[in-house]
């Protein structure tokens, strides 16, 4: 017992610090992410797994930069942009972020609607219940309680790992595809590739990780542990994504079955892998969608109110931060209404919103690079050469993919 107590006391400081990296990484596998990975596996088999492998490093580095800047300065990314570049640039970045986030929030509710339609729950009812539940969860909770809930939710992504092992796909081909890139020069492949990038490294995620460590009141003395938290979260994000792609590639792609929505993946898995695998897959979609429906609107509200010097954060009550909670409620309702619209193309908004995320990452990366190399802000905690190299390579890769993607939109016959 004494030995257990000694070990527990040693890890207690670690347990108090971890959370931002794991939660930030896990929520990347939201409704848009699961749909994107499902479509990638169903349409293109294992051929996009190499993108996941590369983005794991990019995600780890960009999230580490955000966490480090938050720990050293005690300020969120929006605050640093305002202080360094002024209100005009801040307003432009906030417009970009809001556009990207509204597409993502709508994608979360599309995921909730799709998951519950499997069980014959009408779209209107599921979205309305979800908006109400998420609003009261956030406004009636507190920061520490919500963090515990989100960490527990993160655990349930294991359902996708179990689904993949039940299916028993071609593991050799899957591992080989991780390290051997392949490319198809057609619109559908390019759109899906962009969506995979945009759902893994998101504009809102860059703001979220930095605001999170600030709200958690961590300091630069916690950098070593928080860096491990971020790296672990980034690995787990794409580890789960790998199994989603493998599960759909090993069944739907192998059988030539196309899907038009995320829920179709779960439905199609029934005759191929059994009810248990299908239920696990749909449960994972619902879990991830609710997770994202809570965190993305919170982040949107947090960042925008922080950018313009308003009270923001979950440690405040509604009366103390009316703009924060008002924008949070507005984001929930607007995102939900977009999905309730009759004949709303769920798959289109899910995939296109993720591809748009990748395009909108570019200006965010520029500010991230400039700020994280500014010695006046970070002192000795500025980027090293390796981090800058990964950041520049990531920016260049996303820029090239974005250019090809935009070209394919305006000149579809060019491919």
Protein backbone atom coordinates (compact mmCIF):
# COMPACT_ATOMS: atom_id res chain seq x y z
CA UNK A 1 0.00 0.00 0.00
CA UNK A 2 2.82 2.40 0.90
CA UNK A 3 4.55 1.61 -2.40
CA UNK A 4 1.32 2.37 -4.27
CA UNK A 5 0.95 5.69 -2.43
CA UNK A 6 4.52 6.70 -3.27
CA UNK A 7 4.00 5.94 -6.97
CA UNK A 8 0.62 7.69 -6.97
CA UNK A 9 2.14 10.82 -5.44
CA UNK A 10 4.75 10.85 -8.17
CA UNK A 11 2.23 10.71 -10.99
CA UNK A 12 -0.27 13.06 -9.34
CA UNK A 13 1.39 16.21 -10.78
CA UNK A 14 1.32 14.58 -14.23
CA UNK A 15 -2.39 13.76 -13.91
CA UNK A 16 -3.08 17.37 -12.93
CA UNK A 17 -1.42 18.66 -16.12
CA UNK A 18 -2.48 16.19 -18.82
CA UNK A 19 -5.71 16.74 -20.69
CA UNK A 20 -5.31 19.54 -23.25
CA UNK A 21 -3.26 17.46 -25.69
CA UNK A 22 -5.40 14.31 -25.44
CA UNK A 23 -8.73 16.17 -25.63
CA UNK A 24 -7.57 18.48 -28.42
CA UNK A 25 -6.33 15.50 -30.40
CA UNK A 26 -9.38 13.34 -29.74
CA UNK A 27 -11.88 15.96 -30.84
CA UNK A 28 -10.17 16.11 -34.25
CA UNK A 29 -11.86 12.74 -34.76
CA UNK A 30 -15.27 14.38 -34.72
CA UNK A 31 -18.19 13.83 -37.10
CA UNK A 32 -16.34 15.44 -40.00
CA UNK A 33 -13.26 13.39 -39.25
CA UNK A 34 -15.05 10.06 -38.98
CA UNK A 35 -17.02 10.73 -42.15
CA UNK A 36 -13.88 11.80 -44.00
CA UNK A 37 -11.94 8.72 -42.93
CA UNK A 38 -14.91 6.47 -43.71
CA UNK A 39 -15.25 7.94 -47.21
CA UNK A 40 -11.47 7.73 -47.71
CA UNK A 41 -11.48 4.02 -46.85
CA UNK A 42 -14.68 3.17 -48.75
CA UNK A 43 -13.74 5.00 -51.95
CA UNK A 44 -9.97 4.69 -52.07
CA UNK A 45 -9.14 1.74 -49.85
CA UNK A 46 -5.83 2.01 -48.02
CA UNK A 47 -4.30 4.50 -50.49
CA UNK A 48 -4.69 7.61 -48.30
CA UNK A 49 -3.12 6.15 -45.16
CA UNK A 50 0.22 7.77 -46.01
CA UNK A 51 -1.42 11.18 -45.52
CA UNK A 52 -2.36 10.17 -41.97
CA UNK A 53 1.22 9.12 -41.27
CA UNK A 54 2.64 12.47 -42.37
CA UNK A 55 0.00 14.62 -40.69
CA UNK A 56 0.70 12.92 -37.36
CA UNK A 57 4.05 14.73 -37.21
CA UNK A 58 2.58 18.01 -38.44
CA UNK A 59 -0.25 17.85 -35.91
CA UNK A 60 2.17 17.11 -33.06
CA UNK A 61 4.42 20.03 -33.96
CA UNK A 62 1.67 22.61 -34.50
CA UNK A 63 -0.12 21.59 -31.30
CA UNK A 64 3.16 21.74 -29.38
CA UNK A 65 3.74 25.29 -30.64
CA UNK A 66 0.30 26.36 -29.47
CA UNK A 67 0.72 24.74 -26.05
CA UNK A 68 4.20 26.22 -25.62
CA UNK A 69 3.06 29.75 -26.50
CA UNK A 70 0.15 29.46 -24.07
CA UNK A 71 2.36 28.15 -21.26
CA UNK A 72 5.03 30.83 -21.70
CA UNK A 73 2.84 33.88 -22.32
CA UNK A 74 -0.32 32.95 -20.40
CA UNK A 75 -2.29 34.25 -23.38
CA UNK A 76 -4.35 32.69 -26.15
CA UNK A 77 -3.41 32.83 -29.83
CA UNK A 78 -6.10 35.43 -30.60
CA UNK A 79 -4.73 37.77 -27.90
CA UNK A 80 -1.19 37.45 -29.26
CA UNK A 81 -2.36 38.18 -32.82
CA UNK A 82 -4.19 41.30 -31.61
CA UNK A 83 -1.21 42.56 -29.60
CA UNK A 84 1.34 41.88 -32.35
CA UNK A 85 -0.58 42.68 -35.53
CA UNK A 86 -3.48 44.92 -34.44
CA UNK A 87 -7.27 44.77 -34.58
CA UNK A 88 -7.63 44.75 -38.39
CA UNK A 89 -5.64 41.55 -38.84
CA UNK A 90 -7.32 40.07 -35.79
CA UNK A 91 -10.76 40.75 -37.30
CA UNK A 92 -9.73 39.08 -40.59
CA UNK A 93 -8.48 35.99 -38.74
CA UNK A 94 -11.67 35.84 -36.66
CA UNK A 95 -13.83 35.95 -39.80
CA UNK A 96 -11.78 33.10 -41.29
CA UNK A 97 -12.10 31.12 -38.08
CA UNK A 98 -15.84 31.72 -37.78
CA UNK A 99 -16.50 30.56 -41.36
CA UNK A 100 -14.40 27.43 -40.87
CA UNK A 101 -15.95 26.66 -37.50
CA UNK A 102 -19.57 27.07 -38.61
CA UNK A 103 -18.96 24.43 -41.27
CA UNK A 104 -17.43 22.17 -38.62
CA UNK A 105 -20.27 22.78 -36.13
CA UNK A 106 -22.84 21.96 -38.82
CA UNK A 107 -20.82 18.80 -39.52
CA UNK A 108 -21.09 17.81 -35.84
CA UNK A 109 -24.88 18.05 -35.90
CA UNK A 110 -24.93 16.25 -39.24
CA UNK A 111 -23.04 13.44 -37.53
CA UNK A 112 -25.50 13.36 -34.63
CA UNK A 113 -28.45 13.32 -37.02
CA UNK A 114 -26.88 10.61 -39.17
CA UNK A 115 -25.98 8.38 -36.21
CA UNK A 116 -29.47 8.58 -34.69
CA UNK A 117 -31.24 8.12 -38.03
CA UNK A 118 -29.83 4.60 -37.93
CA UNK A 119 -32.15 4.06 -34.97
CA UNK A 120 -35.07 5.82 -36.74
CA UNK A 121 -34.83 9.04 -34.71
CA UNK A 122 -36.03 12.00 -36.85
CA UNK A 123 -33.37 14.56 -37.74
CA UNK A 124 -35.30 17.50 -36.24
CA UNK A 125 -35.72 15.76 -32.88
CA UNK A 126 -32.12 14.56 -32.63
CA UNK A 127 -30.64 17.98 -33.45
CA UNK A 128 -32.99 19.81 -31.07
CA UNK A 129 -32.19 17.42 -28.21
CA UNK A 130 -28.47 17.68 -28.94
CA UNK A 131 -28.49 21.50 -28.93
CA UNK A 132 -30.33 21.56 -25.59
CA UNK A 133 -28.13 18.88 -24.01
CA UNK A 134 -24.86 20.47 -25.10
CA UNK A 135 -25.95 23.95 -23.99
CA UNK A 136 -26.87 22.82 -20.48
CA UNK A 137 -23.80 20.57 -20.21
CA UNK A 138 -21.50 23.52 -20.85
CA UNK A 139 -23.36 26.34 -19.09
CA UNK A 140 -24.23 24.36 -15.95
CA UNK A 141 -20.87 22.67 -15.55
CA UNK A 142 -17.46 23.97 -14.56
CA UNK A 143 -14.06 23.68 -16.21
CA UNK A 144 -12.71 20.74 -14.18
CA UNK A 145 -15.93 18.75 -14.41
CA UNK A 146 -16.17 19.25 -18.17
CA UNK A 147 -12.53 18.25 -18.58
CA UNK A 148 -13.19 14.95 -16.79
CA UNK A 149 -16.26 14.31 -18.97
CA UNK A 150 -14.27 15.01 -22.16
CA UNK A 151 -11.43 12.72 -21.06
CA UNK A 152 -13.93 9.90 -20.42
CA UNK A 153 -15.54 10.51 -23.82
CA UNK A 154 -12.10 10.27 -25.44
CA UNK A 155 -11.81 6.69 -24.16
CA UNK A 156 -14.81 5.53 -26.20
CA UNK A 157 -12.94 5.98 -29.47
CA UNK A 158 -11.69 2.48 -28.74
CA UNK A 159 -14.91 1.29 -30.41
CA UNK A 160 -13.27 1.89 -33.81
CA UNK A 161 -10.26 -0.23 -32.91
CA UNK A 162 -12.54 -3.08 -31.88
CA UNK A 163 -14.58 -2.71 -35.10
CA UNK A 164 -11.44 -2.97 -37.22
CA UNK A 165 -10.22 -6.14 -35.48
CA UNK A 166 -13.65 -7.75 -35.84
CA UNK A 167 -13.48 -7.10 -39.59
CA UNK A 168 -9.92 -8.51 -39.86
CA UNK A 169 -8.76 -6.54 -42.94
CA UNK A 170 -5.47 -6.82 -44.87
CA UNK A 171 -3.12 -5.54 -42.19
CA UNK A 172 -0.03 -6.01 -44.37
CA UNK A 173 -1.39 -3.77 -47.12
CA UNK A 174 -2.55 -1.23 -44.54
CA UNK A 175 0.90 -0.93 -42.92
CA UNK A 176 2.60 -0.78 -46.32
CA UNK A 177 0.25 2.02 -47.43
CA UNK A 178 1.29 4.10 -44.41
CA UNK A 179 4.83 4.54 -45.70
CA UNK A 180 4.38 4.19 -49.48
CA UNK A 181 2.57 7.26 -50.88
CA UNK A 182 0.25 6.95 -53.85
CA UNK A 183 -1.63 9.67 -55.69
CA UNK A 184 -4.59 9.90 -58.04
CA UNK A 185 -5.07 13.01 -60.16
CA UNK A 186 -8.86 13.23 -60.03
CA UNK A 187 -11.26 15.61 -58.27
CA UNK A 188 -12.71 13.08 -55.82
CA UNK A 189 -9.30 11.91 -54.61
CA UNK A 190 -7.94 15.46 -54.25
CA UNK A 191 -11.04 16.57 -52.33
CA UNK A 192 -10.76 13.60 -49.98
CA UNK A 193 -7.01 14.13 -49.49
CA UNK A 194 -7.67 17.78 -48.59
CA UNK A 195 -10.43 16.72 -46.22
CA UNK A 196 -8.09 14.26 -44.48
CA UNK A 197 -5.54 17.05 -43.95
CA UNK A 198 -8.19 19.59 -42.89
CA UNK A 199 -9.91 17.29 -40.43
CA UNK A 200 -6.60 16.32 -38.78
CA UNK A 201 -5.00 19.78 -38.49
CA UNK A 202 -7.85 22.25 -37.96
CA UNK A 203 -7.81 26.07 -37.68
CA UNK A 204 -9.90 25.94 -34.51
CA UNK A 205 -7.61 23.31 -33.01
CA UNK A 206 -4.67 25.74 -33.07
CA UNK A 207 -6.62 28.23 -30.98
CA UNK A 208 -8.14 25.54 -28.77
CA UNK A 209 -4.91 24.00 -27.47
CA UNK A 210 -3.41 27.38 -26.57
CA UNK A 211 -6.57 28.67 -24.88
CA UNK A 212 -6.95 25.36 -23.05
CA UNK A 213 -3.55 25.46 -21.32
CA UNK A 214 -4.20 29.11 -20.37
CA UNK A 215 -7.66 28.31 -18.98
CA UNK A 216 -6.16 25.37 -17.08
CA UNK A 217 -3.71 27.85 -15.54
CA UNK A 218 -0.61 25.90 -16.53
CA UNK A 219 2.81 27.58 -16.74
CA UNK A 220 6.10 27.11 -18.56
CA UNK A 221 7.29 24.86 -15.71
CA UNK A 222 4.70 22.34 -16.99
CA UNK A 223 6.09 22.38 -20.53
CA UNK A 224 7.85 18.99 -20.43
CA UNK A 225 4.76 17.11 -19.23
CA UNK A 226 2.41 19.08 -21.48
CA UNK A 227 4.61 18.38 -24.48
CA UNK A 228 4.24 14.66 -23.79
CA UNK A 229 0.49 15.15 -23.43
CA UNK A 230 0.34 16.88 -26.82
CA UNK A 231 2.47 14.25 -28.57
CA UNK A 232 0.41 11.43 -27.09
CA UNK A 233 -2.84 13.13 -28.11
CA UNK A 234 -1.57 13.65 -31.68
CA UNK A 235 -0.53 10.01 -31.96
CA UNK A 236 -3.86 8.73 -30.59
CA UNK A 237 -5.78 10.97 -33.01
CA UNK A 238 -4.32 9.39 -36.11
CA UNK A 239 -4.05 5.97 -34.47
CA UNK A 240 -7.86 5.95 -34.22
CA UNK A 241 -8.18 7.44 -37.71
CA UNK A 242 -6.02 4.60 -39.06
CA UNK A 243 -8.48 2.00 -37.74
CA UNK A 244 -11.48 3.88 -39.19
CA UNK A 245 -9.89 3.88 -42.64
CA UNK A 246 -8.84 0.25 -42.29
CA UNK A 247 -12.31 -0.83 -41.15
CA UNK A 248 -14.06 0.72 -44.15
CA UNK A 249 -11.32 -0.20 -46.63
CA UNK A 250 -11.36 -3.84 -45.53
CA UNK A 251 -15.12 -4.14 -46.00
CA UNK A 252 -16.78 -1.47 -48.12
CA UNK A 253 -13.93 -0.84 -50.57
CA UNK A 254 -13.21 -4.57 -50.83
CA UNK A 255 -16.88 -5.22 -51.72
CA UNK A 256 -17.20 -2.18 -54.02
CA UNK A 257 -19.80 -0.55 -51.74
CA UNK A 258 -20.02 3.25 -51.94
CA UNK A 259 -21.35 5.40 -49.09
CA UNK A 260 -23.08 8.78 -49.19
CA UNK A 261 -23.16 9.51 -45.44
CA UNK A 262 -21.24 8.45 -42.34
CA UNK A 263 -24.21 6.40 -41.14
CA UNK A 264 -24.07 4.39 -44.39
CA UNK A 265 -20.74 3.00 -43.26
CA UNK A 266 -22.31 1.57 -40.11
CA UNK A 267 -25.32 0.22 -41.99
CA UNK A 268 -23.16 -1.37 -44.69
CA UNK A 269 -20.99 -3.06 -42.06
CA UNK A 270 -23.92 -5.16 -40.74
CA UNK A 271 -24.01 -7.86 -43.43
CA UNK A 272 -20.22 -7.81 -43.79
CA UNK A 273 -19.02 -7.74 -40.20
CA UNK A 274 -22.09 -8.32 -38.05
CA UNK A 275 -24.39 -6.18 -35.94
CA UNK A 276 -21.85 -5.68 -33.16
CA UNK A 277 -19.30 -4.02 -35.44
CA UNK A 278 -22.03 -1.85 -36.99
CA UNK A 279 -23.37 -0.74 -33.60
CA UNK A 280 -19.86 0.05 -32.37
CA UNK A 281 -19.21 2.12 -35.48
CA UNK A 282 -22.45 4.11 -35.13
CA UNK A 283 -21.87 4.58 -31.38
CA UNK A 284 -18.43 5.99 -32.12
CA UNK A 285 -19.95 8.44 -34.62
CA UNK A 286 -22.54 9.66 -32.11
CA UNK A 287 -19.95 9.94 -29.33
CA UNK A 288 -17.54 11.91 -31.52
CA UNK A 289 -20.28 14.19 -32.88
CA UNK A 290 -21.50 15.14 -29.40
CA UNK A 291 -17.90 15.68 -28.33
CA UNK A 292 -17.28 18.07 -31.22
CA UNK A 293 -20.69 19.77 -30.86
CA UNK A 294 -19.63 20.85 -27.37
CA UNK A 295 -16.01 21.79 -27.95
CA UNK A 296 -16.05 23.56 -31.33
CA UNK A 297 -18.75 26.13 -30.36
CA UNK A 298 -16.98 26.70 -27.02
CA UNK A 299 -13.70 27.32 -28.84
CA UNK A 300 -15.39 29.62 -31.36
CA UNK A 301 -16.91 31.70 -28.59
CA UNK A 302 -13.75 31.67 -26.49
CA UNK A 303 -11.43 32.80 -29.27
CA UNK A 304 -13.63 35.56 -30.72
CA UNK A 305 -14.51 37.12 -27.36
CA UNK A 306 -10.88 36.86 -26.23
CA UNK A 307 -9.69 38.49 -29.46
CA UNK A 308 -11.73 41.62 -28.73
CA UNK A 309 -10.99 41.82 -25.01
CA UNK A 310 -14.29 40.49 -23.65
CA UNK A 311 -14.70 38.20 -20.66
CA UNK A 312 -14.44 34.62 -21.85
CA UNK A 313 -13.98 31.12 -20.51
CA UNK A 314 -15.83 28.33 -18.74
CA UNK A 315 -14.65 29.56 -15.37
CA UNK A 316 -17.09 32.49 -15.70
CA UNK A 317 -20.82 32.26 -15.13
CA UNK A 318 -23.33 33.32 -17.80
CA UNK A 319 -23.93 36.72 -16.19
CA UNK A 320 -20.20 37.39 -15.93
CA UNK A 321 -19.47 36.61 -19.59
CA UNK A 322 -22.71 37.25 -21.55
CA UNK A 323 -20.97 37.67 -24.93
CA UNK A 324 -19.05 34.43 -24.48
CA UNK A 325 -22.15 32.36 -23.70
CA UNK A 326 -24.30 34.30 -26.17
CA UNK A 327 -21.95 33.51 -29.05
CA UNK A 328 -21.75 29.92 -27.84
CA UNK A 329 -25.57 29.60 -28.00
CA UNK A 330 -25.69 31.35 -31.39
CA UNK A 331 -23.10 28.95 -32.85
CA UNK A 332 -25.04 25.94 -31.58
CA UNK A 333 -28.37 27.12 -32.99
CA UNK A 334 -26.97 28.23 -36.36
CA UNK A 335 -25.04 24.98 -36.82
CA UNK A 336 -28.12 22.94 -35.89
CA UNK A 337 -30.44 24.91 -38.19
CA UNK A 338 -28.18 24.27 -41.17
CA UNK A 339 -28.69 20.53 -40.68
CA UNK A 340 -32.46 20.69 -40.05
CA UNK A 341 -33.04 22.28 -43.48
CA UNK A 342 -34.92 19.74 -45.66
CA UNK A 343 -32.79 17.86 -48.19
CA UNK A 344 -29.65 19.25 -46.57
CA UNK A 345 -26.67 17.42 -48.13
CA UNK A 346 -25.05 15.94 -45.01
CA UNK A 347 -22.12 14.32 -46.78
CA UNK A 348 -21.34 17.45 -48.78
CA UNK A 349 -21.10 19.68 -45.71
CA UNK A 350 -19.14 17.04 -43.80
CA UNK A 351 -16.48 16.53 -46.47
CA UNK A 352 -16.30 20.02 -47.99
CA UNK A 353 -16.08 21.67 -44.56
CA UNK A 354 -13.02 19.59 -43.77
CA UNK A 355 -11.37 20.44 -47.10
CA UNK A 356 -12.14 24.12 -46.46
CA UNK A 357 -10.39 23.79 -43.09
CA UNK A 358 -7.18 22.87 -44.91
CA UNK A 359 -7.38 25.95 -47.15
CA UNK A 360 -8.10 28.25 -44.20
CA UNK A 361 -5.15 26.80 -42.27
CA UNK A 362 -2.70 28.70 -44.46
CA UNK A 363 -3.16 32.21 -43.00
CA UNK A 364 -3.30 30.72 -39.49
CA UNK A 365 0.05 29.01 -40.11
CA UNK A 366 1.65 32.30 -41.13
CA UNK A 367 0.70 33.96 -37.83
CA UNK A 368 1.70 30.83 -35.92
CA UNK A 369 5.15 30.83 -37.55
CA UNK A 370 5.78 34.55 -36.94
CA UNK A 371 4.63 34.50 -33.33
CA UNK A 372 6.45 31.29 -32.36
CA UNK A 373 9.74 32.71 -33.68
CA UNK A 374 9.40 36.09 -31.94
CA UNK A 375 11.97 36.34 -29.12
CA UNK A 376 10.22 39.39 -27.67
CA UNK A 377 7.20 37.15 -26.97
CA UNK A 378 8.77 33.78 -26.18
CA UNK A 379 12.36 34.57 -25.28
CA UNK A 380 14.36 31.32 -25.20
CA UNK A 381 11.21 29.30 -25.94
CA UNK A 382 11.11 30.16 -29.65
CA UNK A 383 11.04 27.36 -32.24
CA UNK A 384 14.15 25.36 -32.99
CA UNK A 385 15.23 24.53 -36.53
CA UNK A 386 13.48 21.15 -36.61
CA UNK A 387 10.13 22.63 -35.57
CA UNK A 388 10.46 25.41 -38.14
CA UNK A 389 11.35 22.90 -40.84
CA UNK A 390 8.26 20.76 -40.09
CA UNK A 391 6.08 23.88 -39.99
CA UNK A 392 7.39 25.16 -43.34
CA UNK A 393 7.10 21.74 -45.00
CA UNK A 394 3.53 21.39 -43.68
CA UNK A 395 2.62 24.87 -44.93
CA UNK A 396 4.13 24.14 -48.34
CA UNK A 397 2.37 20.79 -48.62
CA UNK A 398 -1.02 22.23 -47.63
CA UNK A 399 -0.49 25.18 -50.01
CA UNK A 400 0.26 22.87 -52.94
CA UNK A 401 -2.69 20.59 -52.14
CA UNK A 402 -4.95 23.65 -51.72
CA UNK A 403 -3.84 25.04 -55.09
CA UNK A 404 -4.56 21.73 -56.82
CA UNK A 405 -7.90 21.50 -55.02
CA UNK A 406 -8.96 25.03 -56.00
CA UNK A 407 -7.82 24.43 -59.58
CA UNK A 408 -9.96 21.27 -59.70
CA UNK A 409 -13.00 23.29 -58.52
CA UNK A 410 -12.69 25.98 -61.20
CA UNK A 411 -11.36 23.74 -63.98
CA UNK A 412 -12.85 20.28 -63.35
CA UNK A 413 -12.18 19.21 -66.94
CA UNK A 414 -8.52 19.96 -66.41
CA UNK A 415 -8.23 16.60 -64.70
